[in-house]
Amino acid sequence: MKLITEPNLVNPDGIYARLIALHDNRSKEESARINARLILLLANHIGHEDILLEAMDLAGREKLS
């Protein structure tokens, strides 16, 4: 299995709006905890270590390719 990096969301604007709303009226610390929980939930759902490591490597780059 390979990491999907091409657009793959049916409603990307809706997802983005919901993600931004999730952080409304939250402190930086609360937002950081929410992000960490969201990442761990999605990582558990994905469940493939190779995909997760590839995503981490890509996310850690200065610019996305």
Protein backbone atom coordinates (compact mmCIF):
# COMPACT_ATOMS: atom_id res chain seq x y z
CA MET A 1 0.00 0.00 0.00
CA LYS A 2 1.21 3.51 -0.80
CA LEU A 3 0.40 6.84 0.80
CA ILE A 4 -2.23 8.72 -1.20
CA THR A 5 -1.03 12.29 -1.73
CA GLU A 6 -3.38 13.32 -4.53
CA PRO A 7 -6.66 15.03 -3.56
CA ASN A 8 -8.94 12.30 -2.22
CA LEU A 9 -11.67 14.05 -0.22
CA VAL A 10 -15.22 14.33 -1.51
CA ASN A 11 -15.80 17.58 0.43
CA PRO A 12 -12.38 19.13 1.20
CA ASP A 13 -13.81 22.60 1.94
CA GLY A 14 -16.30 21.15 4.41
CA ILE A 15 -13.62 19.10 6.15
CA TYR A 16 -11.34 22.16 6.33
CA ALA A 17 -14.15 24.29 7.78
CA ARG A 18 -14.95 21.61 10.37
CA LEU A 19 -11.27 21.33 11.34
CA ILE A 20 -11.00 25.11 11.77
CA ALA A 21 -14.25 25.17 13.79
CA LEU A 22 -12.87 22.42 16.03
CA HIS A 23 -10.20 24.89 17.16
CA ASP A 24 -12.46 27.93 17.62
CA ASN A 25 -12.24 29.44 21.10
CA ARG A 26 -9.52 26.98 22.15
CA SER A 27 -6.17 27.82 23.67
CA LYS A 28 -2.99 26.84 21.85
CA GLU A 29 -2.55 24.01 24.36
CA GLU A 30 -6.09 22.70 23.82
CA SER A 31 -5.63 22.88 20.04
CA ALA A 32 -2.35 20.98 20.30
CA ARG A 33 -4.03 18.24 22.38
CA ILE A 34 -6.91 18.02 19.89
CA ASN A 35 -4.45 17.72 16.99
CA ALA A 36 -2.50 15.02 18.81
CA ARG A 37 -5.66 13.02 19.55
CA LEU A 38 -6.88 13.41 15.97
CA ILE A 39 -3.52 12.24 14.59
CA LEU A 40 -3.48 9.21 16.88
CA LEU A 41 -7.09 8.29 16.03
CA LEU A 42 -6.39 8.50 12.30
CA ALA A 43 -3.07 6.65 12.66
CA ASN A 44 -4.88 3.84 14.47
CA HIS A 45 -7.50 3.75 11.73
CA ILE A 46 -4.86 3.58 8.99
CA GLY A 47 -3.00 0.89 10.89
CA HIS A 48 -0.14 0.46 8.40
CA GLU A 49 3.23 1.41 9.85
CA ASP A 50 4.83 1.93 6.43
CA ILE A 51 2.09 4.38 5.40
CA LEU A 52 2.35 6.25 8.69
CA LEU A 53 6.14 6.51 8.48
CA GLU A 54 5.91 7.77 4.90
CA ALA A 55 3.33 10.37 5.97
CA MET A 56 5.55 11.48 8.88
CA ASP A 57 8.54 11.83 6.58
CA LEU A 58 6.50 13.85 4.09
CA ALA A 59 4.94 16.04 6.81
CA GLY A 60 8.39 16.75 8.27
CA ARG A 61 9.68 18.21 5.02
CA GLU A 62 9.90 21.97 4.69
CA LYS A 63 7.87 21.88 1.47
CA LEU A 64 5.41 19.24 0.35
CA SER A 65 6.19 17.79 -3.05
